[in-house]
Amino acid sequence: AIDSGKVTGAALDVLEYEKLSFENLDSAGLPEDFRRLIRCDKVILSPHIAGWTHESNEKMARVLIGKIRNLYGI
């Protein structure tokens, strides 16, 4: 879709072949489609870290507090 222009870019956080980080990522053993994503200037890849932001931690805390309150009726 990126090659055809239907999608102008992508930001991906959850990847089939991810590791804890992208340091020393050996792409030789990876499928060609994934290697194309790594090389593509229109694709941003992150190693599954979207949940590590301050905002996501605050949201998870609010959701958890709400579930505890609902469970105990408070």
C-alpha atoms as a PDB file:
ATOM      1  CA  ALA A   1       0.000   0.000   0.000  1.00  0.00           C
ATOM      2  CA  ILE A   2       2.897   2.377   0.700  1.00  0.00           C
ATOM      3  CA  ASP A   3       4.534   1.516  -2.625  1.00  0.00           C
ATOM      4  CA  SER A   4       1.294   2.240  -4.509  1.00  0.00           C
ATOM      5  CA  GLY A   5       0.684   5.522  -2.661  1.00  0.00           C
ATOM      6  CA  LYS A   6      -2.591   4.392  -1.049  1.00  0.00           C
ATOM      7  CA  VAL A   7      -0.876   4.779   2.334  1.00  0.00           C
ATOM      8  CA  THR A   8       1.565   7.674   2.686  1.00  0.00           C
ATOM      9  CA  GLY A   9       3.329   6.314   5.762  1.00  0.00           C
ATOM     10  CA  ALA A  10       3.046   4.120   8.823  1.00  0.00           C
ATOM     11  CA  ALA A  11       4.148   4.090  12.457  1.00  0.00           C
ATOM     12  CA  LEU A  12       4.302   0.572  13.892  1.00  0.00           C
ATOM     13  CA  ASP A  13       4.829  -0.353  17.533  1.00  0.00           C
ATOM     14  CA  VAL A  14       3.876  -4.039  17.628  1.00  0.00           C
ATOM     15  CA  LEU A  15       5.868  -6.167  15.226  1.00  0.00           C
ATOM     16  CA  GLU A  16       5.908  -9.876  14.539  1.00  0.00           C
ATOM     17  CA  TYR A  17       9.696 -10.059  14.639  1.00  0.00           C
ATOM     18  CA  GLU A  18      10.409  -7.533  17.400  1.00  0.00           C
ATOM     19  CA  LYS A  19      13.040  -7.875  20.089  1.00  0.00           C
ATOM     20  CA  LEU A  20      13.525  -5.858  23.278  1.00  0.00           C
ATOM     21  CA  SER A  21      15.252  -3.210  21.185  1.00  0.00           C
ATOM     22  CA  PHE A  22      16.307  -2.664  17.610  1.00  0.00           C
ATOM     23  CA  GLU A  23      19.999  -2.577  18.514  1.00  0.00           C
ATOM     24  CA  ASN A  24      22.015  -5.147  16.611  1.00  0.00           C
ATOM     25  CA  LEU A  25      18.915  -6.217  14.696  1.00  0.00           C
ATOM     26  CA  ASP A  26      20.155  -8.931  12.367  1.00  0.00           C
ATOM     27  CA  SER A  27      17.878  -8.545   9.379  1.00  0.00           C
ATOM     28  CA  ALA A  28      19.559 -11.301   7.369  1.00  0.00           C
ATOM     29  CA  GLY A  29      17.310 -13.992   8.851  1.00  0.00           C
ATOM     30  CA  LEU A  30      14.119 -11.936   8.577  1.00  0.00           C
ATOM     31  CA  PRO A  31      11.520 -12.159   5.791  1.00  0.00           C
ATOM     32  CA  GLU A  32      12.008  -9.727   2.906  1.00  0.00           C
ATOM     33  CA  ASP A  33       8.744  -7.875   3.704  1.00  0.00           C
ATOM     34  CA  PHE A  34      10.014  -7.043   7.187  1.00  0.00           C
ATOM     35  CA  ARG A  35      13.418  -5.991   5.844  1.00  0.00           C
ATOM     36  CA  ARG A  36      11.610  -3.619   3.450  1.00  0.00           C
ATOM     37  CA  LEU A  37       9.813  -2.038   6.421  1.00  0.00           C
ATOM     38  CA  ILE A  38      13.131  -1.534   8.208  1.00  0.00           C
ATOM     39  CA  ARG A  39      14.618   0.220   5.154  1.00  0.00           C
ATOM     40  CA  CYS A  40      11.540   2.279   4.204  1.00  0.00           C
ATOM     41  CA  ASP A  41      11.808   6.045   4.833  1.00  0.00           C
ATOM     42  CA  LYS A  42       8.010   6.259   5.133  1.00  0.00           C
ATOM     43  CA  VAL A  43       7.822   3.785   8.035  1.00  0.00           C
ATOM     44  CA  ILE A  44       8.593   4.484  11.689  1.00  0.00           C
ATOM     45  CA  LEU A  45       9.264   1.399  13.814  1.00  0.00           C
ATOM     46  CA  SER A  46       9.514   1.240  17.593  1.00  0.00           C
ATOM     47  CA  PRO A  47      10.175  -1.862  19.711  1.00  0.00           C
ATOM     48  CA  HIS A  48       6.748  -2.180  21.382  1.00  0.00           C
ATOM     49  CA  ILE A  49       7.246   0.782  23.728  1.00  0.00           C
ATOM     50  CA  ALA A  50       4.042   2.805  23.287  1.00  0.00           C
ATOM     51  CA  GLY A  51       2.918   1.666  26.740  1.00  0.00           C
ATOM     52  CA  TRP A  52       6.019   3.180  28.345  1.00  0.00           C
ATOM     53  CA  THR A  53       4.896   6.801  28.066  1.00  0.00           C
ATOM     54  CA  HIS A  54       3.879   8.945  31.030  1.00  0.00           C
ATOM     55  CA  GLU A  55       0.442   9.430  29.481  1.00  0.00           C
ATOM     56  CA  SER A  56      -0.176   5.720  29.013  1.00  0.00           C
ATOM     57  CA  ASN A  57       0.865   5.000  32.605  1.00  0.00           C
ATOM     58  CA  GLU A  58      -1.589   7.628  33.871  1.00  0.00           C
ATOM     59  CA  LYS A  59      -4.379   6.179  31.728  1.00  0.00           C
ATOM     60  CA  MET A  60      -3.665   2.620  32.906  1.00  0.00           C
ATOM     61  CA  ALA A  61      -3.720   3.826  36.522  1.00  0.00           C
ATOM     62  CA  ARG A  62      -7.098   5.559  36.010  1.00  0.00           C
ATOM     63  CA  VAL A  63      -8.577   2.455  34.371  1.00  0.00           C
ATOM     64  CA  LEU A  64      -7.270   0.205  37.147  1.00  0.00           C
ATOM     65  CA  ILE A  65      -8.637   2.498  39.868  1.00  0.00           C
ATOM     66  CA  GLY A  66     -12.015   2.528  38.112  1.00  0.00           C
ATOM     67  CA  LYS A  67     -12.093  -1.267  37.946  1.00  0.00           C
ATOM     68  CA  ILE A  68     -11.194  -1.593  41.631  1.00  0.00           C
ATOM     69  CA  ARG A  69     -13.894   0.929  42.586  1.00  0.00           C
ATOM     70  CA  ASN A  70     -16.475  -0.925  40.494  1.00  0.00           C
ATOM     71  CA  LEU A  71     -15.460  -4.268  41.993  1.00  0.00           C
ATOM     72  CA  TYR A  72     -15.827  -3.028  45.568  1.00  0.00           C
ATOM     73  CA  GLY A  73     -18.704  -0.613  44.920  1.00  0.00           C
ATOM     74  CA  ILE A  74     -16.819   2.503  46.024  1.00  0.00           C
END
